[in-house]
Amino acid sequence: MKLELCKIVVDKLEWGPRTSVKDKVLTINKDELVAKILEDPGLKGVEVELVHPGESTRILPVKDAVQPRYKLEGPGQVFPGWIGDVETVGSGKTLVLDGACVLTTGRLVAPQEGIVDMSGPGAEYTPFSKTQNIVLVFEPVDGLELHDLEAVYRKAGLRAAFYLAEACRDCKIDNVETYEWPPFTDSLKAYPNLPKIAYVYMLQSQGLLHDTWVYGVDAKRILPTLISPTETMDGAIISGNCVSACDKNNTYVHLNNPVIKSLFEHHGKDLNFIGCIITNENVTLADKKRSSWYAINLAKMLGADGVVISEEGFGNPDADLIMNCWKAERAGIRTVLITDEYAGRDGSSQSLADSCPEGDACVTAGNANEIVVLPPMKKVIGDPSKADVIAGGFFGSLREDGSMEVELQAILGSTCELGFNLIGARTL
């Protein structure tokens, strides 16, 4: 499978008569965009705001982030199962509006939604302070049940992202990234002197608005399976969850998974990237056992020497992460874990809900309990009162002057367990 990401760079947004990109400026026909969004009968209104890095703007509560993409050539269409028919993706040519992002917000879906500050100290924690954001503030029809409301918001965000990219299909391409994924018969024979490394990609699937979708199927309904990493770049995996904002893998992050990108970069140099295994995060012990054994058996069938395992969420999913770890290690497969920590505001508490002696190679994305004070902003999009109830907020988080005191848990993508965040470390 060969996928070409045809990127059009966007570093400014503006309203205009025709949706297109010229000289890195994405001009948007607002009436057309709103009409596309309001095709969903679950919505009676939507406000659209254009927000740029460095502006004194706060957005909350943010539900999802989506990068505009559109298939120029190849099978299927991006976001299969949601846009068009359910067909395979991951090959051909895909248009990407690089630098643009659709952020969705509106009436609170659940208390686990996030904050995006476009400037100030909060902007240093969220990667979405660096994107040119098309913010959708939804007004749903009355009486929608929470799961239905989440679905309305999710599909509207995808529809908006698709419209923006499709409208720019004839615009000038700035650069092309190419990714190739060979048949297993070829990849397993390649680079015989390099360690064979697979990726175990954990997807949040605990239900109760903790859902991820694979080709339109709820991930809690699947057994672990193999997927081409190029399929993830075409929207095969969609976020439908409302877990804590800091380590939610929103749709934008699935499209740009840095673990997959890094494995491609190291492929053929110091490792042989042989496979991507998606697995779910379950609630019952029996389901956790089933999925972890199945995922690790797939890694054994591939002949993996090592696996990278990434988590989504915290607490209950820590048990899935650790079970995947020790089962792989005891099968002779070395592991590297990617997670974040909930170590208390002073950093002295136990970081994970579970652990094992085999988990001795772990990358952390930061401590989500760390406190940060966000100064007041000139403009707030959404509902600032939700700062007191979102995960990471607390009674009194929103101050009279408009400033906020919250944990990093409340900031979108601040401790992303795929490494799609701005927290880093250096050796002294």
Protein backbone atom coordinates (compact mmCIF):
# COMPACT_ATOMS: atom_id res chain seq x y z
CA MET A 1 0.00 0.00 0.00
CA LYS A 2 1.38 3.38 -1.04
CA LEU A 3 -0.12 6.55 0.41
CA GLU A 4 0.80 10.05 -0.73
CA LEU A 5 -0.19 12.88 1.62
CA CYS A 6 -0.51 15.92 -0.63
CA LYS A 7 -0.15 18.84 1.72
CA ILE A 8 -1.35 22.39 1.28
CA VAL A 9 0.15 24.61 3.98
CA VAL A 10 -2.31 26.89 5.81
CA ASP A 11 -1.06 29.66 8.09
CA LYS A 12 -4.04 32.03 8.02
CA LEU A 13 -7.85 31.84 7.85
CA GLU A 14 -10.33 34.34 6.47
CA TRP A 15 -13.93 34.53 5.24
CA GLY A 16 -14.58 34.94 1.52
CA PRO A 17 -16.85 34.08 -1.41
CA ARG A 18 -15.09 30.81 -2.33
CA THR A 19 -13.45 28.14 -0.18
CA SER A 20 -9.88 27.74 -1.41
CA VAL A 21 -6.23 28.16 -0.45
CA LYS A 22 -3.89 30.69 -1.99
CA ASP A 23 -0.52 31.85 -0.62
CA LYS A 24 -1.13 29.76 2.53
CA VAL A 25 -4.40 31.58 3.29
CA LEU A 26 -7.49 29.37 3.63
CA THR A 27 -10.50 31.42 2.53
CA ILE A 28 -13.83 29.93 3.65
CA ASN A 29 -17.32 30.49 2.31
CA LYS A 30 -19.13 30.65 5.64
CA ASP A 31 -22.63 30.06 4.24
CA GLU A 32 -21.55 26.88 2.45
CA LEU A 33 -19.76 25.55 5.54
CA VAL A 34 -22.72 26.23 7.82
CA ALA A 35 -25.12 24.63 5.33
CA LYS A 36 -22.99 21.45 5.26
CA ILE A 37 -22.92 21.27 9.04
CA LEU A 38 -26.65 21.84 9.43
CA GLU A 39 -27.46 18.89 7.16
CA ASP A 40 -27.60 16.93 10.43
CA PRO A 41 -31.17 17.04 11.82
CA GLY A 42 -29.72 16.91 15.32
CA LEU A 43 -28.50 20.49 14.99
CA LYS A 44 -30.63 23.63 14.91
CA GLY A 45 -27.73 26.05 14.80
CA VAL A 46 -23.97 26.49 14.66
CA GLU A 47 -21.63 29.43 15.13
CA VAL A 48 -18.27 29.33 13.37
CA GLU A 49 -15.25 31.26 14.64
CA LEU A 50 -11.80 31.60 13.05
CA VAL A 51 -8.98 31.59 15.59
CA HIS A 52 -5.23 32.03 15.07
CA PRO A 53 -2.15 31.30 17.20
CA GLY A 54 -1.14 34.14 19.50
CA GLU A 55 -4.62 35.61 19.85
CA SER A 56 -6.02 36.31 23.32
CA THR A 57 -8.69 33.63 22.93
CA ARG A 58 -9.84 30.72 25.06
CA ILE A 59 -11.94 27.85 23.67
CA LEU A 60 -13.86 25.47 25.95
CA PRO A 61 -15.17 22.88 26.35
CA VAL A 62 -13.51 21.39 23.27
CA LYS A 63 -14.71 17.93 22.26
CA ASP A 64 -12.77 16.87 19.16
CA ALA A 65 -10.13 18.15 16.79
CA VAL A 66 -10.13 17.08 13.13
CA GLN A 67 -7.64 17.83 10.35
CA PRO A 68 -9.27 18.55 6.96
CA ARG A 69 -8.52 15.71 4.51
CA TYR A 70 -9.93 14.49 1.20
CA LYS A 71 -9.09 11.57 -1.12
CA LEU A 72 -7.81 12.85 -4.47
CA GLU A 73 -7.14 9.35 -5.81
CA GLY A 74 -7.43 5.81 -4.52
CA PRO A 75 -10.06 3.59 -2.96
CA GLY A 76 -12.67 4.86 -0.56
CA GLN A 77 -12.86 8.26 1.05
CA VAL A 78 -11.36 9.63 4.26
CA PHE A 79 -13.25 8.86 7.49
CA PRO A 80 -14.72 5.60 6.12
CA GLY A 81 -18.01 4.67 7.74
CA TRP A 82 -18.83 8.34 8.29
CA ILE A 83 -18.13 10.09 4.97
CA GLY A 84 -19.41 8.09 2.02
CA ASP A 85 -19.33 4.30 1.91
CA VAL A 86 -17.33 1.92 4.08
CA GLU A 87 -14.38 1.13 1.84
CA THR A 88 -10.74 0.48 2.60
CA VAL A 89 -8.41 3.47 2.81
CA GLY A 90 -4.66 3.90 3.19
CA SER A 91 -3.48 4.09 -0.40
CA GLY A 92 -3.64 6.55 -3.26
CA LYS A 93 -3.43 10.33 -2.84
CA THR A 94 -4.95 12.24 0.07
CA LEU A 95 -5.21 16.02 0.26
CA VAL A 96 -4.24 17.49 3.66
CA LEU A 97 -4.81 21.07 4.78
CA ASP A 98 -1.63 21.20 6.85
CA GLY A 99 -1.93 23.70 9.69
CA ALA A 100 -5.74 23.89 9.68
CA CYS A 101 -7.88 22.25 12.35
CA VAL A 102 -11.61 21.94 13.07
CA LEU A 103 -12.40 22.18 16.80
CA THR A 104 -15.87 21.23 18.02
CA THR A 105 -17.64 22.56 21.08
CA GLY A 106 -21.14 23.35 22.29
CA ARG A 107 -23.47 22.28 25.07
CA LEU A 108 -21.45 20.04 27.36
CA VAL A 109 -21.45 16.41 26.28
CA ALA A 110 -19.74 15.16 29.43
CA PRO A 111 -17.46 16.65 32.11
CA GLN A 112 -14.35 15.40 30.35
CA GLU A 113 -13.80 18.05 27.70
CA GLY A 114 -10.86 20.37 27.22
CA ILE A 115 -9.48 23.90 27.17
CA VAL A 116 -7.47 25.43 24.32
CA ASP A 117 -5.76 28.76 25.02
CA MET A 118 -4.29 30.41 21.94
CA SER A 119 -1.79 32.48 23.95
CA GLY A 120 -0.34 32.71 27.46
CA PRO A 121 0.91 29.86 29.63
CA GLY A 122 -1.93 27.52 28.65
CA ALA A 123 -0.87 27.73 25.01
CA GLU A 124 2.46 26.16 25.96
CA TYR A 125 0.68 22.91 26.87
CA THR A 126 -1.71 22.30 23.98
CA PRO A 127 -0.58 21.59 20.40
CA PHE A 128 -3.82 23.16 19.19
CA SER A 129 -2.58 26.60 20.14
CA LYS A 130 -0.28 26.26 17.12
CA THR A 131 -2.95 25.40 14.52
CA GLN A 132 -5.27 27.70 12.56
CA ASN A 133 -8.59 26.74 14.12
CA ILE A 134 -12.07 26.66 12.64
CA VAL A 135 -14.17 26.48 15.82
CA LEU A 136 -17.70 25.08 15.62
CA VAL A 137 -20.05 26.02 18.46
CA PHE A 138 -23.08 23.76 18.12
CA GLU A 139 -26.66 24.34 19.17
CA PRO A 140 -28.37 20.93 19.19
CA VAL A 141 -32.08 20.26 19.02
CA ASP A 142 -33.76 19.72 22.35
CA GLY A 143 -34.11 16.33 23.98
CA LEU A 144 -31.09 14.49 22.56
CA GLU A 145 -29.71 11.70 24.74
CA LEU A 146 -26.00 12.11 25.54
CA HIS A 147 -24.77 9.35 23.22
CA ASP A 148 -26.86 10.79 20.38
CA LEU A 149 -25.54 14.27 21.12
CA GLU A 150 -21.95 13.04 21.02
CA ALA A 151 -22.61 11.36 17.66
CA VAL A 152 -24.12 14.55 16.23
CA TYR A 153 -21.07 16.59 17.24
CA ARG A 154 -18.64 13.95 15.99
CA LYS A 155 -20.21 13.61 12.58
CA ALA A 156 -20.62 17.37 12.16
CA GLY A 157 -16.91 17.90 12.84
CA LEU A 158 -15.97 15.26 10.27
CA ARG A 159 -18.37 16.73 7.72
CA ALA A 160 -16.89 20.21 8.18
CA ALA A 161 -13.31 18.95 7.83
CA PHE A 162 -14.22 17.00 4.71
CA TYR A 163 -15.96 19.99 3.12
CA LEU A 164 -12.95 22.26 3.67
CA ALA A 165 -10.49 19.84 2.08
CA GLU A 166 -12.77 18.81 -0.78
CA ALA A 167 -13.31 22.45 -1.74
CA CYS A 168 -9.53 22.88 -2.06
CA ARG A 169 -8.97 19.81 -4.23
CA ASP A 170 -7.77 21.89 -7.21
CA CYS A 171 -5.47 24.16 -5.21
CA LYS A 172 -1.69 24.10 -5.47
CA ILE A 173 0.07 21.34 -3.47
CA ASP A 174 3.03 22.56 -1.40
CA ASN A 175 4.68 19.21 -0.60
CA VAL A 176 4.04 15.47 -0.67
CA GLU A 177 4.85 12.89 2.03
CA THR A 178 4.94 9.30 0.82
CA TYR A 179 4.44 6.20 2.98
CA GLU A 180 4.60 2.63 1.71
CA TRP A 181 3.41 -0.47 3.53
CA PRO A 182 4.52 -3.73 1.86
CA PRO A 183 2.91 -7.17 2.12
CA PHE A 184 3.97 -9.10 5.22
CA THR A 185 5.75 -11.68 3.08
CA ASP A 186 8.13 -8.90 2.05
CA SER A 187 8.38 -6.90 5.26
CA LEU A 188 9.24 -9.88 7.47
CA LYS A 189 12.17 -10.75 5.21
CA ALA A 190 13.50 -7.22 4.94
CA TYR A 191 16.45 -6.00 7.01
CA PRO A 192 17.36 -9.38 8.55
CA ASN A 193 20.00 -7.78 10.77
CA LEU A 194 17.57 -5.33 12.39
CA PRO A 195 15.12 -6.06 15.25
CA LYS A 196 11.53 -6.61 14.10
CA ILE A 197 9.29 -4.08 15.90
CA ALA A 198 5.50 -3.99 16.03
CA TYR A 199 3.22 -1.31 17.45
CA VAL A 200 0.40 -2.20 19.88
CA TYR A 201 -2.02 0.71 19.53
CA MET A 202 -4.47 0.82 22.47
CA LEU A 203 -7.85 2.43 21.74
CA GLN A 204 -10.17 3.80 24.41
CA SER A 205 -13.33 1.67 24.38
CA GLN A 206 -14.78 1.55 27.89
CA GLY A 207 -18.20 2.78 26.79
CA LEU A 208 -20.32 5.45 28.51
CA LEU A 209 -18.96 8.02 26.05
CA HIS A 210 -15.55 6.35 26.12
CA ASP A 211 -15.57 5.10 22.54
CA THR A 212 -13.28 4.89 19.51
CA TRP A 213 -14.42 3.90 16.03
CA VAL A 214 -12.59 1.75 13.47
CA TYR A 215 -14.13 1.89 9.99
CA GLY A 216 -17.33 2.96 11.73
CA VAL A 217 -17.31 0.03 14.19
CA ASP A 218 -17.16 0.63 17.95
CA ALA A 219 -13.74 -0.65 19.05
CA LYS A 220 -15.20 -2.41 22.09
CA ARG A 221 -16.85 -4.82 19.63
CA ILE A 222 -13.64 -5.93 17.94
CA LEU A 223 -10.93 -8.40 18.76
CA PRO A 224 -7.40 -7.01 18.37
CA THR A 225 -6.43 -6.97 14.74
CA LEU A 226 -3.80 -5.84 12.29
CA ILE A 227 -4.17 -2.54 10.46
CA SER A 228 -1.94 -0.82 7.96
CA PRO A 229 -0.46 2.34 9.52
CA THR A 230 -1.38 4.17 6.33
CA GLU A 231 -5.05 3.45 7.04
CA THR A 232 -4.83 5.46 10.25
CA MET A 233 -3.61 8.45 8.17
CA ASP A 234 -6.81 8.28 6.11
CA GLY A 235 -9.23 8.40 9.03
CA ALA A 236 -9.84 4.69 9.64
CA ILE A 237 -9.71 5.46 13.39
CA ILE A 238 -12.06 8.16 14.70
CA SER A 239 -12.32 9.52 18.23
CA GLY A 240 -15.76 9.28 19.78
CA ASN A 241 -14.74 9.53 23.41
CA CYS A 242 -15.05 12.10 26.14
CA VAL A 243 -12.18 11.00 28.38
CA SER A 244 -9.98 13.54 30.12
CA ALA A 245 -8.83 16.17 27.63
CA CYS A 246 -5.13 15.86 28.43
CA ASP A 247 -4.73 12.29 27.16
CA LYS A 248 -7.67 11.95 24.79
CA ASN A 249 -6.46 10.83 21.35
CA ASN A 250 -8.72 13.03 19.28
CA THR A 251 -9.22 12.42 15.57
CA TYR A 252 -6.48 14.89 14.55
CA VAL A 253 -4.00 12.92 16.65
CA HIS A 254 -5.02 9.56 15.16
CA LEU A 255 -4.47 11.06 11.70
CA ASN A 256 -1.00 12.28 12.71
CA ASN A 257 0.06 9.55 15.17
CA PRO A 258 3.71 10.44 16.02
CA VAL A 259 4.48 6.88 17.14
CA ILE A 260 3.68 5.59 13.66
CA LYS A 261 5.58 8.45 12.05
CA SER A 262 8.65 7.77 14.21
CA LEU A 263 8.57 4.05 13.43
CA PHE A 264 8.50 4.89 9.72
CA GLU A 265 11.45 7.26 10.19
CA HIS A 266 13.52 4.56 11.94
CA HIS A 267 12.43 1.77 9.57
CA GLY A 268 15.37 0.30 7.71
CA LYS A 269 17.86 2.26 9.80
CA ASP A 270 17.80 0.80 13.31
CA LEU A 271 14.61 -1.30 13.27
CA ASN A 272 12.27 -3.15 10.93
CA PHE A 273 8.72 -1.84 11.45
CA ILE A 274 6.64 -4.95 10.75
CA GLY A 275 3.11 -4.29 11.93
CA CYS A 276 0.47 -2.21 13.67
CA ILE A 277 -1.88 -4.05 16.06
CA ILE A 278 -4.96 -2.21 17.31
CA THR A 279 -6.44 -3.40 20.59
CA ASN A 280 -9.17 -2.12 22.89
CA GLU A 281 -9.35 -1.06 26.52
CA ASN A 282 -12.09 -2.96 28.28
CA VAL A 283 -14.00 -2.78 31.54
CA THR A 284 -14.27 -6.40 32.70
CA LEU A 285 -11.31 -8.56 33.67
CA ALA A 286 -12.35 -11.30 31.24
CA ASP A 287 -12.38 -8.83 28.34
CA LYS A 288 -9.00 -7.43 29.36
CA LYS A 289 -7.51 -10.91 29.43
CA ARG A 290 -9.03 -11.82 26.06
CA SER A 291 -7.79 -8.71 24.27
CA SER A 292 -4.31 -8.70 25.78
CA TRP A 293 -3.70 -12.37 24.94
CA TYR A 294 -5.02 -11.85 21.42
CA ALA A 295 -2.90 -8.75 20.81
CA ILE A 296 0.29 -10.36 22.05
CA ASN A 297 -0.41 -13.56 20.10
CA LEU A 298 -0.59 -11.42 16.97
CA ALA A 299 2.80 -9.94 17.84
CA LYS A 300 4.17 -13.48 18.32
CA MET A 301 2.73 -14.59 14.97
CA LEU A 302 4.54 -11.70 13.31
CA GLY A 303 7.78 -12.78 14.97
CA ALA A 304 8.23 -9.42 16.70
CA ASP A 305 11.39 -8.94 18.73
CA GLY A 306 9.90 -5.90 20.42
CA VAL A 307 6.70 -3.86 20.67
CA VAL A 308 5.88 -0.26 21.40
CA ILE A 309 2.64 -0.05 23.43
CA SER A 310 0.72 3.21 23.75
CA GLU A 311 -2.16 3.79 26.16
CA GLU A 312 -5.18 6.09 25.99
CA GLY A 313 -6.63 7.38 29.24
CA PHE A 314 -5.65 6.43 32.78
CA GLY A 315 -6.79 4.46 35.80
CA ASN A 316 -8.75 1.48 34.50
CA PRO A 317 -6.79 1.34 31.18
CA ASP A 318 -3.54 1.12 33.18
CA ALA A 319 -4.50 -2.51 33.85
CA ASP A 320 -4.73 -3.18 30.08
CA LEU A 321 -1.38 -1.47 29.50
CA ILE A 322 0.41 -3.50 32.15
CA MET A 323 -1.25 -6.77 31.11
CA ASN A 324 -0.07 -6.19 27.54
CA CYS A 325 3.40 -5.45 28.89
CA TRP A 326 4.03 -8.51 31.02
CA LYS A 327 2.43 -10.91 28.55
CA ALA A 328 4.71 -9.61 25.80
CA GLU A 329 7.82 -9.70 27.98
CA ARG A 330 7.14 -13.24 29.20
CA ALA A 331 6.70 -14.27 25.54
CA GLY A 332 10.22 -13.00 24.88
CA ILE A 333 9.10 -9.74 23.25
CA ARG A 334 10.72 -6.62 24.69
CA THR A 335 8.40 -3.70 25.39
CA VAL A 336 8.46 0.07 25.53
CA LEU A 337 5.41 1.69 27.15
CA ILE A 338 4.05 5.17 26.44
CA THR A 339 1.71 6.60 29.07
CA ASP A 340 1.19 9.66 31.22
CA GLU A 341 1.04 10.02 34.99
CA TYR A 342 -1.48 10.97 37.64
CA ALA A 343 1.00 11.42 40.43
CA GLY A 344 -0.82 14.03 42.50
CA ARG A 345 -0.31 17.75 42.36
CA ASP A 346 3.04 17.48 44.16
CA GLY A 347 4.15 14.51 42.05
CA SER A 348 4.58 12.20 45.04
CA SER A 349 1.67 9.78 44.49
CA GLN A 350 1.70 6.48 42.60
CA SER A 351 1.73 7.40 38.92
CA LEU A 352 -0.20 4.43 37.51
CA ALA A 353 -3.02 2.30 38.88
CA ASP A 354 -1.08 -0.88 38.03
CA SER A 355 2.51 -1.91 37.42
CA CYS A 356 4.73 -4.94 36.87
CA PRO A 357 8.47 -5.65 37.17
CA GLU A 358 8.68 -6.16 33.40
CA GLY A 359 7.61 -2.57 32.75
CA ASP A 360 11.13 -1.19 32.99
CA ALA A 361 11.14 0.87 29.76
CA CYS A 362 8.51 3.58 29.99
CA VAL A 363 8.09 6.96 28.33
CA THR A 364 5.96 9.49 30.20
CA ALA A 365 4.02 12.35 28.64
CA GLY A 366 3.86 14.26 31.93
CA ASN A 367 1.93 14.54 35.20
CA ALA A 368 -1.70 15.42 34.47
CA ASN A 369 -2.30 16.52 38.07
CA GLU A 370 0.13 19.43 37.83
CA ILE A 371 -1.59 22.76 38.53
CA VAL A 372 -1.44 25.69 36.10
CA VAL A 373 -3.03 29.14 36.34
CA LEU A 374 -4.49 30.44 33.08
CA PRO A 375 -4.83 34.23 32.86
CA PRO A 376 -8.00 35.90 31.59
CA MET A 377 -8.44 36.16 27.82
CA LYS A 378 -10.01 38.98 25.80
CA LYS A 379 -12.29 36.50 24.04
CA VAL A 380 -13.86 33.25 25.22
CA ILE A 381 -15.54 30.88 22.76
CA GLY A 382 -17.89 28.37 24.34
CA ASP A 383 -18.91 28.21 27.99
CA PRO A 384 -16.28 29.26 30.59
CA SER A 385 -18.49 28.13 33.49
CA LYS A 386 -17.63 24.53 32.59
CA ALA A 387 -14.13 25.08 34.02
CA ASP A 388 -15.54 24.11 37.43
CA VAL A 389 -16.86 20.74 36.25
CA ILE A 390 -14.52 19.45 33.52
CA ALA A 391 -11.99 16.83 34.58
CA GLY A 392 -9.00 18.73 35.98
CA GLY A 393 -11.18 21.60 37.14
CA PHE A 394 -12.79 22.01 40.54
CA PHE A 395 -15.13 24.31 42.42
CA GLY A 396 -13.54 27.74 42.22
CA SER A 397 -11.42 27.01 39.15
CA LEU A 398 -13.04 29.93 37.32
CA ARG A 399 -12.12 33.16 39.09
CA GLU A 400 -14.03 36.44 39.03
CA ASP A 401 -11.45 38.10 36.77
CA GLY A 402 -11.81 35.34 34.16
CA SER A 403 -8.60 33.53 35.06
CA MET A 404 -8.64 29.81 35.78
CA GLU A 405 -6.75 27.45 38.06
CA VAL A 406 -6.86 23.90 36.70
CA GLU A 407 -4.84 20.73 36.46
CA LEU A 408 -3.11 19.95 33.16
CA GLN A 409 -5.80 17.27 32.88
CA ALA A 410 -8.17 20.02 31.67
CA ILE A 411 -5.98 21.18 28.76
CA LEU A 412 -6.55 19.47 25.42
CA GLY A 413 -3.62 17.22 24.47
CA SER A 414 -1.32 18.38 27.25
CA THR A 415 -0.18 14.87 28.22
CA CYS A 416 -1.09 12.96 25.05
CA GLU A 417 0.08 9.35 25.34
CA LEU A 418 1.03 9.22 21.68
CA GLY A 419 3.50 12.03 22.27
CA PHE A 420 1.42 14.55 20.34
CA ASN A 421 2.01 17.24 22.94
CA LEU A 422 4.37 20.08 23.83
CA ILE A 423 5.84 18.77 27.11
CA GLY A 424 9.36 17.48 26.68
CA ALA A 425 12.49 16.67 28.62
CA ARG A 426 16.21 17.26 28.27
CA THR A 427 19.28 15.73 29.83
CA LEU A 428 21.22 18.00 32.19
